Amino acid sequence: MLIPHEIPALGYKCQLAKRFDRAAKSYDAYAEFQNIVLDRLLTMLPINRADVVLDLGTGTGQALAALTETLKPQSCIGLDLSSQMLAVAKARCSDLQNTHYVCADGEQLPFREASFDLVFSSLAIQWCLAPNELFNALYRVTKPGGYAIFSTLSHGSMPEIANAWLGVDHSPHTHQYMTAGALLSCLKASQWQLSSFQLSNIVMWFESPERAIDSLKKVGASLIAAEGRSAISPSKWKAFLAEYNQQRGELGVPLSYQVSFVVVQKPFYPQE
């Protein structure tokens, strides 16, 4: 969903895995925004029973208990690029039966065709590099009549950070997320049938710019796109924080997201 600047694909994925590895132990304590999105996505489950479920980008396994309780699957697989995130998920969900964990890249799914009744993914798909290939892969591993339900960041997310950097060096230092229109075009090209789509603006408020940035860093979602450039000097970082603080409102320092909530179904019969 995003195009990282100046970082080759392989290096990007290695960097991404390391960043989430480092954030595995702090993730749950800082995942307020992620929990808001997850809770809303869970209310959009299109079915109440699924034999085989994939949680793509399971992270610390926050969705696994709810998916198991609601869908009562015979098998539930949590997949993540980060081995340390999976270790936390295993500890969290040690009492869940028929739950399995796979450390793999979501863009290279190691599953057979038509394996899953439902693929679930909250705030993970935006980390992919080739959305068309990803949605084709998800279509391949989903059973006819099965569903994919996901949330992802869309274009216009975190404008406060981009604007603060523009005030420092005229460079946004931020990821470029897919527009909602481009996302829907990808899904159509992959032959998914759209069941539900919602684009929502979610604003989080913080005591300080530092706390806002921590809400990203501590969950592994900091500005990877900027890391391909030279290191940011302490003076430039201080200037960035000062620029960011100028956006303070009555509720504090804002950090806003555009979130797409999507439910799609694989047709029972291939489209001609």
C-alpha atoms as a PDB file:
ATOM      1  CA  MET A   1       0.000   0.000   0.000  1.00  0.00           C
ATOM      2  CA  LEU A   2       2.944   2.324   0.449  1.00  0.00           C
ATOM      3  CA  ILE A   3       6.001   3.014  -1.603  1.00  0.00           C
ATOM      4  CA  PRO A   4       8.986   3.510   0.727  1.00  0.00           C
ATOM      5  CA  HIS A   5      11.459   6.008  -0.647  1.00  0.00           C
ATOM      6  CA  GLU A   6      15.070   5.031  -1.286  1.00  0.00           C
ATOM      7  CA  ILE A   7      14.798   1.580   0.275  1.00  0.00           C
ATOM      8  CA  PRO A   8      15.116  -1.562  -1.912  1.00  0.00           C
ATOM      9  CA  ALA A   9      12.316  -4.095  -1.439  1.00  0.00           C
ATOM     10  CA  LEU A  10      14.398  -6.759   0.325  1.00  0.00           C
ATOM     11  CA  GLY A  11      16.021  -4.229   2.632  1.00  0.00           C
ATOM     12  CA  TYR A  12      12.638  -2.710   3.374  1.00  0.00           C
ATOM     13  CA  LYS A  13      11.144  -6.035   4.479  1.00  0.00           C
ATOM     14  CA  CYS A  14      14.189  -6.862   6.642  1.00  0.00           C
ATOM     15  CA  GLN A  15      13.999  -3.430   8.218  1.00  0.00           C
ATOM     16  CA  LEU A  16      10.267  -3.816   8.763  1.00  0.00           C
ATOM     17  CA  ALA A  17      10.699  -7.180  10.499  1.00  0.00           C
ATOM     18  CA  LYS A  18      13.440  -5.817  12.762  1.00  0.00           C
ATOM     19  CA  ARG A  19      11.373  -2.785  13.696  1.00  0.00           C
ATOM     20  CA  PHE A  20       8.385  -4.896  14.686  1.00  0.00           C
ATOM     21  CA  ASP A  21      10.666  -7.330  16.515  1.00  0.00           C
ATOM     22  CA  ARG A  22      11.940  -4.449  18.636  1.00  0.00           C
ATOM     23  CA  ALA A  23       8.408  -3.212  19.312  1.00  0.00           C
ATOM     24  CA  ALA A  24       6.954  -6.594  20.291  1.00  0.00           C
ATOM     25  CA  LYS A  25       7.185  -6.047  24.064  1.00  0.00           C
ATOM     26  CA  SER A  26       5.933  -2.454  24.029  1.00  0.00           C
ATOM     27  CA  TYR A  27       3.213  -2.882  21.396  1.00  0.00           C
ATOM     28  CA  ASP A  28       0.257  -3.700  23.629  1.00  0.00           C
ATOM     29  CA  ALA A  29       0.895  -0.777  25.971  1.00  0.00           C
ATOM     30  CA  TYR A  30       0.873   1.761  23.123  1.00  0.00           C
ATOM     31  CA  ALA A  31      -1.678   0.270  20.703  1.00  0.00           C
ATOM     32  CA  GLU A  32      -4.638   2.523  21.545  1.00  0.00           C
ATOM     33  CA  PHE A  33      -5.300   3.505  17.936  1.00  0.00           C
ATOM     34  CA  GLN A  34      -4.743  -0.060  16.738  1.00  0.00           C
ATOM     35  CA  ASN A  35      -7.274  -1.322  19.306  1.00  0.00           C
ATOM     36  CA  ILE A  36      -9.891   1.212  18.188  1.00  0.00           C
ATOM     37  CA  VAL A  37      -9.525   0.053  14.585  1.00  0.00           C
ATOM     38  CA  LEU A  38      -9.469  -3.636  15.528  1.00  0.00           C
ATOM     39  CA  ASP A  39     -12.629  -3.410  17.637  1.00  0.00           C
ATOM     40  CA  ARG A  40     -14.488  -1.714  14.805  1.00  0.00           C
ATOM     41  CA  LEU A  41     -13.278  -4.212  12.218  1.00  0.00           C
ATOM     42  CA  LEU A  42     -14.416  -7.134  14.375  1.00  0.00           C
ATOM     43  CA  THR A  43     -17.978  -5.748  14.351  1.00  0.00           C
ATOM     44  CA  MET A  44     -17.905  -6.037  10.550  1.00  0.00           C
ATOM     45  CA  LEU A  45     -17.311  -9.801  10.378  1.00  0.00           C
ATOM     46  CA  PRO A  46     -19.615 -10.969   7.572  1.00  0.00           C
ATOM     47  CA  ILE A  47     -20.184 -14.491   8.932  1.00  0.00           C
ATOM     48  CA  ASN A  48     -20.447 -16.135  12.354  1.00  0.00           C
ATOM     49  CA  ARG A  49     -18.806 -19.417  11.451  1.00  0.00           C
ATOM     50  CA  ALA A  50     -15.627 -20.277   9.537  1.00  0.00           C
ATOM     51  CA  ASP A  51     -13.761 -23.564   9.588  1.00  0.00           C
ATOM     52  CA  VAL A  52     -10.327 -22.184   8.657  1.00  0.00           C
ATOM     53  CA  VAL A  53      -9.278 -18.603   9.420  1.00  0.00           C
ATOM     54  CA  LEU A  54      -6.130 -16.621   8.613  1.00  0.00           C
ATOM     55  CA  ASP A  55      -5.168 -13.571  10.674  1.00  0.00           C
ATOM     56  CA  LEU A  56      -2.751 -11.796   8.344  1.00  0.00           C
ATOM     57  CA  GLY A  57      -0.321  -9.601  10.268  1.00  0.00           C
ATOM     58  CA  THR A  58      -1.490 -10.972  13.586  1.00  0.00           C
ATOM     59  CA  GLY A  59       1.107  -8.993  15.539  1.00  0.00           C
ATOM     60  CA  THR A  60       0.749  -9.771  19.240  1.00  0.00           C
ATOM     61  CA  GLY A  61      -2.367 -11.827  18.542  1.00  0.00           C
ATOM     62  CA  GLN A  62      -4.889  -9.256  19.732  1.00  0.00           C
ATOM     63  CA  ALA A  63      -7.567 -10.487  17.312  1.00  0.00           C
ATOM     64  CA  LEU A  64      -7.116 -14.229  17.767  1.00  0.00           C
ATOM     65  CA  ALA A  65      -9.316 -14.728  20.841  1.00  0.00           C
ATOM     66  CA  ALA A  66     -12.191 -12.745  19.338  1.00  0.00           C
ATOM     67  CA  LEU A  67     -11.913 -14.534  15.997  1.00  0.00           C
ATOM     68  CA  THR A  68     -11.899 -17.908  17.749  1.00  0.00           C
ATOM     69  CA  GLU A  69     -14.833 -17.034  19.994  1.00  0.00           C
ATOM     70  CA  THR A  70     -16.947 -15.604  17.184  1.00  0.00           C
ATOM     71  CA  LEU A  71     -16.123 -17.917  14.291  1.00  0.00           C
ATOM     72  CA  LYS A  72     -15.339 -21.148  16.189  1.00  0.00           C
ATOM     73  CA  PRO A  73     -12.821 -22.326  13.572  1.00  0.00           C
ATOM     74  CA  GLN A  74     -11.360 -25.789  13.417  1.00  0.00           C
ATOM     75  CA  SER A  75      -8.058 -24.088  12.619  1.00  0.00           C
ATOM     76  CA  CYS A  76      -6.911 -20.480  13.067  1.00  0.00           C
ATOM     77  CA  ILE A  77      -3.549 -19.333  11.724  1.00  0.00           C
ATOM     78  CA  GLY A  78      -1.763 -16.198  12.874  1.00  0.00           C
ATOM     79  CA  LEU A  79       0.789 -15.027  10.297  1.00  0.00           C
ATOM     80  CA  ASP A  80       3.330 -12.274  10.830  1.00  0.00           C
ATOM     81  CA  LEU A  81       6.647 -11.098   9.421  1.00  0.00           C
ATOM     82  CA  SER A  82       8.008 -10.608  12.954  1.00  0.00           C
ATOM     83  CA  SER A  83       9.080 -13.669  14.918  1.00  0.00           C
ATOM     84  CA  GLN A  84       9.096 -11.657  18.151  1.00  0.00           C
ATOM     85  CA  MET A  85       5.523 -10.492  17.621  1.00  0.00           C
ATOM     86  CA  LEU A  86       4.530 -14.120  17.118  1.00  0.00           C
ATOM     87  CA  ALA A  87       6.294 -15.094  20.347  1.00  0.00           C
ATOM     88  CA  VAL A  88       4.145 -12.576  22.239  1.00  0.00           C
ATOM     89  CA  ALA A  89       1.036 -13.842  20.424  1.00  0.00           C
ATOM     90  CA  LYS A  90       1.798 -17.425  21.412  1.00  0.00           C
ATOM     91  CA  ALA A  91       2.153 -16.447  25.073  1.00  0.00           C
ATOM     92  CA  ARG A  92      -1.029 -14.371  24.978  1.00  0.00           C
ATOM     93  CA  CYS A  93      -3.072 -17.104  23.310  1.00  0.00           C
ATOM     94  CA  SER A  94      -1.549 -20.183  24.947  1.00  0.00           C
ATOM     95  CA  ASP A  95      -5.002 -21.399  26.013  1.00  0.00           C
ATOM     96  CA  LEU A  96      -6.498 -21.205  22.524  1.00  0.00           C
ATOM     97  CA  GLN A  97      -6.935 -24.559  20.843  1.00  0.00           C
ATOM     98  CA  ASN A  98      -6.348 -25.196  17.138  1.00  0.00           C
ATOM     99  CA  THR A  99      -4.322 -21.995  16.796  1.00  0.00           C
ATOM    100  CA  HIS A 100      -1.117 -22.067  14.776  1.00  0.00           C
ATOM    101  CA  TYR A 101       1.577 -19.491  14.024  1.00  0.00           C
ATOM    102  CA  VAL A 102       3.483 -18.865  10.805  1.00  0.00           C
ATOM    103  CA  CYS A 103       6.361 -16.424  10.381  1.00  0.00           C
ATOM    104  CA  ALA A 104       6.182 -15.354   6.749  1.00  0.00           C
ATOM    105  CA  ASP A 105       5.755 -12.430   4.382  1.00  0.00           C
ATOM    106  CA  GLY A 106       2.109 -11.708   3.627  1.00  0.00           C
ATOM    107  CA  GLU A 107       3.061 -11.042   0.006  1.00  0.00           C
ATOM    108  CA  GLN A 108       4.410 -14.597  -0.308  1.00  0.00           C
ATOM    109  CA  LEU A 109       1.698 -16.667   1.344  1.00  0.00           C
ATOM    110  CA  PRO A 110       2.865 -20.251   1.979  1.00  0.00           C
ATOM    111  CA  PHE A 111      -0.601 -21.805   1.661  1.00  0.00           C
ATOM    112  CA  ARG A 112      -2.429 -23.949  -0.854  1.00  0.00           C
ATOM    113  CA  GLU A 113      -5.177 -22.660  -3.087  1.00  0.00           C
ATOM    114  CA  ALA A 114      -8.614 -22.324  -1.450  1.00  0.00           C
ATOM    115  CA  SER A 115      -7.350 -22.928   2.089  1.00  0.00           C
ATOM    116  CA  PHE A 116      -9.338 -20.355   4.080  1.00  0.00           C
ATOM    117  CA  ASP A 117     -12.973 -19.518   4.681  1.00  0.00           C
ATOM    118  CA  LEU A 118     -12.004 -16.085   5.959  1.00  0.00           C
ATOM    119  CA  VAL A 119      -8.890 -13.910   5.868  1.00  0.00           C
ATOM    120  CA  PHE A 120      -8.769 -11.203   8.524  1.00  0.00           C
ATOM    121  CA  SER A 121      -6.211  -8.383   8.664  1.00  0.00           C
ATOM    122  CA  SER A 122      -6.137  -5.218  10.746  1.00  0.00           C
ATOM    123  CA  LEU A 123      -3.647  -2.472   9.887  1.00  0.00           C
ATOM    124  CA  ALA A 124      -1.138  -4.773   8.207  1.00  0.00           C
ATOM    125  CA  ILE A 125      -1.867  -4.563   4.495  1.00  0.00           C
ATOM    126  CA  GLN A 126      -0.489  -1.013   4.230  1.00  0.00           C
ATOM    127  CA  TRP A 127       3.018  -2.439   4.732  1.00  0.00           C
ATOM    128  CA  CYS A 128       2.933  -4.367   1.457  1.00  0.00           C
ATOM    129  CA  LEU A 129       4.890  -3.278  -1.600  1.00  0.00           C
ATOM    130  CA  ALA A 130       2.757  -4.782  -4.388  1.00  0.00           C
ATOM    131  CA  PRO A 131      -0.955  -4.556  -3.498  1.00  0.00           C
ATOM    132  CA  ASN A 132      -2.136  -6.118  -6.763  1.00  0.00           C
ATOM    133  CA  GLU A 133      -0.012  -9.200  -6.108  1.00  0.00           C
ATOM    134  CA  LEU A 134      -1.133  -9.328  -2.486  1.00  0.00           C
ATOM    135  CA  PHE A 135      -4.831  -9.256  -3.339  1.00  0.00           C
ATOM    136  CA  ASN A 136      -4.274 -11.866  -6.034  1.00  0.00           C
ATOM    137  CA  ALA A 137      -2.545 -14.074  -3.455  1.00  0.00           C
ATOM    138  CA  LEU A 138      -5.348 -13.581  -0.934  1.00  0.00           C
ATOM    139  CA  TYR A 139      -7.873 -14.448  -3.636  1.00  0.00           C
ATOM    140  CA  ARG A 140      -5.923 -17.626  -4.413  1.00  0.00           C
ATOM    141  CA  VAL A 141      -5.852 -18.912  -0.818  1.00  0.00           C
ATOM    142  CA  THR A 142      -9.502 -18.055  -0.080  1.00  0.00           C
ATOM    143  CA  LYS A 143     -12.224 -20.613  -0.749  1.00  0.00           C
ATOM    144  CA  PRO A 144     -14.970 -19.786  -3.276  1.00  0.00           C
ATOM    145  CA  GLY A 145     -17.619 -17.899  -1.343  1.00  0.00           C
ATOM    146  CA  GLY A 146     -15.087 -17.012   1.348  1.00  0.00           C
ATOM    147  CA  TYR A 147     -14.293 -13.530   2.612  1.00  0.00           C
ATOM    148  CA  ALA A 148     -11.414 -11.171   3.212  1.00  0.00           C
ATOM    149  CA  ILE A 149     -12.008  -8.469   5.801  1.00  0.00           C
ATOM    150  CA  PHE A 150      -9.366  -5.875   6.516  1.00  0.00           C
ATOM    151  CA  SER A 151      -8.498  -2.382   7.647  1.00  0.00           C
ATOM    152  CA  THR A 152      -5.645  -0.393   6.164  1.00  0.00           C
ATOM    153  CA  LEU A 153      -4.254   3.136   6.278  1.00  0.00           C
ATOM    154  CA  SER A 154      -5.154   5.250   3.268  1.00  0.00           C
ATOM    155  CA  HIS A 155      -3.900   8.423   1.621  1.00  0.00           C
ATOM    156  CA  GLY A 156      -4.140  11.422   3.928  1.00  0.00           C
ATOM    157  CA  SER A 157      -2.982   9.639   7.072  1.00  0.00           C
ATOM    158  CA  MET A 158      -0.752  11.508   9.535  1.00  0.00           C
ATOM    159  CA  PRO A 159      -0.801  14.887   7.774  1.00  0.00           C
ATOM    160  CA  GLU A 160       0.358  16.547  10.990  1.00  0.00           C
ATOM    161  CA  ILE A 161       3.740  14.821  10.727  1.00  0.00           C
ATOM    162  CA  ALA A 162       4.114  15.621   7.046  1.00  0.00           C
ATOM    163  CA  ASN A 163       3.239  19.263   7.660  1.00  0.00           C
ATOM    164  CA  ALA A 164       5.679  19.546  10.560  1.00  0.00           C
ATOM    165  CA  TRP A 165       8.532  18.221   8.419  1.00  0.00           C
ATOM    166  CA  LEU A 166       7.628  20.545   5.574  1.00  0.00           C
ATOM    167  CA  GLY A 167       8.166  23.392   8.010  1.00  0.00           C
ATOM    168  CA  VAL A 168      11.688  22.124   8.737  1.00  0.00           C
ATOM    169  CA  ASP A 169      13.210  20.961   5.464  1.00  0.00           C
ATOM    170  CA  HIS A 170      10.387  20.983   2.888  1.00  0.00           C
ATOM    171  CA  SER A 171      10.371  17.161   2.847  1.00  0.00           C
ATOM    172  CA  PRO A 172       7.436  15.106   4.235  1.00  0.00           C
ATOM    173  CA  HIS A 173       9.480  12.145   5.605  1.00  0.00           C
ATOM    174  CA  THR A 174       6.315  10.055   5.499  1.00  0.00           C
ATOM    175  CA  HIS A 175       4.922   7.007   3.743  1.00  0.00           C
ATOM    176  CA  GLN A 176       2.772   7.405   0.682  1.00  0.00           C
ATOM    177  CA  TYR A 177      -0.397   5.414   1.303  1.00  0.00           C
ATOM    178  CA  MET A 178      -2.800   4.225  -1.347  1.00  0.00           C
ATOM    179  CA  THR A 179      -5.869   6.304  -2.135  1.00  0.00           C
ATOM    180  CA  ALA A 180      -9.235   4.714  -1.474  1.00  0.00           C
ATOM    181  CA  GLY A 181      -9.930   4.750  -5.207  1.00  0.00           C
ATOM    182  CA  ALA A 182      -6.697   2.940  -6.023  1.00  0.00           C
ATOM    183  CA  LEU A 183      -7.437   0.364  -3.334  1.00  0.00           C
ATOM    184  CA  LEU A 184     -10.878  -0.355  -4.770  1.00  0.00           C
ATOM    185  CA  SER A 185      -9.378  -0.631  -8.259  1.00  0.00           C
ATOM    186  CA  CYS A 186      -6.878  -3.226  -7.007  1.00  0.00           C
ATOM    187  CA  LEU A 187      -9.636  -5.275  -5.439  1.00  0.00           C
ATOM    188  CA  LYS A 188     -11.699  -5.159  -8.625  1.00  0.00           C
ATOM    189  CA  ALA A 189      -8.709  -6.184 -10.730  1.00  0.00           C
ATOM    190  CA  SER A 190      -8.201  -9.179  -8.432  1.00  0.00           C
ATOM    191  CA  GLN A 191     -11.848 -10.215  -9.016  1.00  0.00           C
ATOM    192  CA  TRP A 192     -12.974  -9.662  -5.417  1.00  0.00           C
ATOM    193  CA  GLN A 193     -16.615  -8.683  -5.011  1.00  0.00           C
ATOM    194  CA  LEU A 194     -17.025  -5.695  -2.713  1.00  0.00           C
ATOM    195  CA  SER A 195     -19.413  -6.292   0.192  1.00  0.00           C
ATOM    196  CA  SER A 196     -18.638  -3.273   2.362  1.00  0.00           C
ATOM    197  CA  PHE A 197     -16.340  -0.245   2.266  1.00  0.00           C
ATOM    198  CA  GLN A 198     -15.967   2.575   4.778  1.00  0.00           C
ATOM    199  CA  LEU A 199     -13.357   5.339   4.855  1.00  0.00           C
ATOM    200  CA  SER A 200     -13.049   6.953   8.275  1.00  0.00           C
ATOM    201  CA  ASN A 201     -10.983   9.760   9.767  1.00  0.00           C
ATOM    202  CA  ILE A 202      -9.766   8.801  13.247  1.00  0.00           C
ATOM    203  CA  VAL A 203      -7.999  11.457  15.329  1.00  0.00           C
ATOM    204  CA  MET A 204      -5.851  10.630  18.345  1.00  0.00           C
ATOM    205  CA  TRP A 205      -4.749  13.292  20.853  1.00  0.00           C
ATOM    206  CA  PHE A 206      -1.534  13.422  22.860  1.00  0.00           C
ATOM    207  CA  GLU A 207       0.033  15.488  25.615  1.00  0.00           C
ATOM    208  CA  SER A 208       3.062  16.300  23.478  1.00  0.00           C
ATOM    209  CA  PRO A 209       4.616  15.694  20.055  1.00  0.00           C
ATOM    210  CA  GLU A 210       6.967  13.213  21.730  1.00  0.00           C
ATOM    211  CA  ARG A 211       4.010  11.148  22.945  1.00  0.00           C
ATOM    212  CA  ALA A 212       2.480  11.220  19.470  1.00  0.00           C
ATOM    213  CA  ILE A 213       5.714   9.933  17.921  1.00  0.00           C
ATOM    214  CA  ASP A 214       5.996   7.278  20.653  1.00  0.00           C
ATOM    215  CA  SER A 215       2.556   6.002  19.625  1.00  0.00           C
ATOM    216  CA  LEU A 216       4.200   5.112  16.320  1.00  0.00           C
ATOM    217  CA  LYS A 217       7.660   4.024  17.448  1.00  0.00           C
ATOM    218  CA  LYS A 218       6.476   1.780  20.275  1.00  0.00           C
ATOM    219  CA  VAL A 219       4.228  -0.252  17.968  1.00  0.00           C
ATOM    220  CA  GLY A 220       6.853  -0.560  15.224  1.00  0.00           C
ATOM    221  CA  ALA A 221       5.135   1.857  12.861  1.00  0.00           C
ATOM    222  CA  SER A 222       7.595   4.731  12.835  1.00  0.00           C
ATOM    223  CA  LEU A 223       8.728   6.487   9.722  1.00  0.00           C
ATOM    224  CA  ILE A 224      10.611   3.761   7.907  1.00  0.00           C
ATOM    225  CA  ALA A 225      10.608   5.764   4.692  1.00  0.00           C
ATOM    226  CA  ALA A 226      12.872   8.353   6.287  1.00  0.00           C
ATOM    227  CA  GLU A 227      15.429   5.814   7.440  1.00  0.00           C
ATOM    228  CA  GLY A 228      16.932   5.382   3.995  1.00  0.00           C
ATOM    229  CA  ARG A 229      18.210   8.940   4.237  1.00  0.00           C
ATOM    230  CA  SER A 230      21.007  10.238   6.436  1.00  0.00           C
ATOM    231  CA  ALA A 231      20.367  10.302  10.177  1.00  0.00           C
ATOM    232  CA  ILE A 232      18.351  13.244  11.469  1.00  0.00           C
ATOM    233  CA  SER A 233      20.461  15.562  13.611  1.00  0.00           C
ATOM    234  CA  PRO A 234      19.334  16.450  17.157  1.00  0.00           C
ATOM    235  CA  SER A 235      18.835  20.066  16.124  1.00  0.00           C
ATOM    236  CA  LYS A 236      16.620  19.113  13.172  1.00  0.00           C
ATOM    237  CA  TRP A 237      14.616  16.726  15.352  1.00  0.00           C
ATOM    238  CA  LYS A 238      14.107  19.508  17.916  1.00  0.00           C
ATOM    239  CA  ALA A 239      12.934  21.806  15.130  1.00  0.00           C
ATOM    240  CA  PHE A 240      10.504  19.132  13.916  1.00  0.00           C
ATOM    241  CA  LEU A 241       9.005  18.738  17.403  1.00  0.00           C
ATOM    242  CA  ALA A 242       8.610  22.499  17.680  1.00  0.00           C
ATOM    243  CA  GLU A 243       6.816  22.631  14.318  1.00  0.00           C
ATOM    244  CA  TYR A 244       4.583  19.725  15.317  1.00  0.00           C
ATOM    245  CA  ASN A 245       3.712  21.384  18.626  1.00  0.00           C
ATOM    246  CA  GLN A 246       2.356  24.410  16.743  1.00  0.00           C
ATOM    247  CA  GLN A 247      -0.560  22.200  15.654  1.00  0.00           C
ATOM    248  CA  ARG A 248      -1.675  21.760  19.270  1.00  0.00           C
ATOM    249  CA  GLY A 249      -5.404  22.196  19.881  1.00  0.00           C
ATOM    250  CA  GLU A 250      -7.677  22.272  22.905  1.00  0.00           C
ATOM    251  CA  LEU A 251      -7.459  18.479  23.251  1.00  0.00           C
ATOM    252  CA  GLY A 252      -3.688  18.324  22.782  1.00  0.00           C
ATOM    253  CA  VAL A 253      -1.428  17.410  19.878  1.00  0.00           C
ATOM    254  CA  PRO A 254      -3.340  15.625  17.085  1.00  0.00           C
ATOM    255  CA  LEU A 255      -2.342  12.622  15.007  1.00  0.00           C
ATOM    256  CA  SER A 256      -5.006  11.678  12.484  1.00  0.00           C
ATOM    257  CA  TYR A 257      -5.492   8.675  10.256  1.00  0.00           C
ATOM    258  CA  GLN A 258      -7.560   7.848   7.204  1.00  0.00           C
ATOM    259  CA  VAL A 259      -8.619   4.222   7.656  1.00  0.00           C
ATOM    260  CA  SER A 260     -10.302   2.048   5.054  1.00  0.00           C
ATOM    261  CA  PHE A 261     -12.504  -0.745   6.420  1.00  0.00           C
ATOM    262  CA  VAL A 262     -13.179  -3.330   3.725  1.00  0.00           C
ATOM    263  CA  VAL A 263     -15.122  -6.575   3.345  1.00  0.00           C
ATOM    264  CA  VAL A 264     -14.817  -8.484   0.065  1.00  0.00           C
ATOM    265  CA  GLN A 265     -16.009 -11.908  -1.065  1.00  0.00           C
ATOM    266  CA  LYS A 266     -14.518 -14.391  -3.508  1.00  0.00           C
ATOM    267  CA  PRO A 267     -17.236 -15.370  -6.003  1.00  0.00           C
ATOM    268  CA  PHE A 268     -18.470 -18.946  -5.964  1.00  0.00           C
ATOM    269  CA  TYR A 269     -17.875 -19.045  -9.711  1.00  0.00           C
ATOM    270  CA  PRO A 270     -15.000 -17.387 -11.571  1.00  0.00           C
ATOM    271  CA  GLN A 271     -15.911 -14.197 -13.374  1.00  0.00           C
ATOM    272  CA  GLU A 272     -15.587 -14.266 -17.122  1.00  0.00           C
END
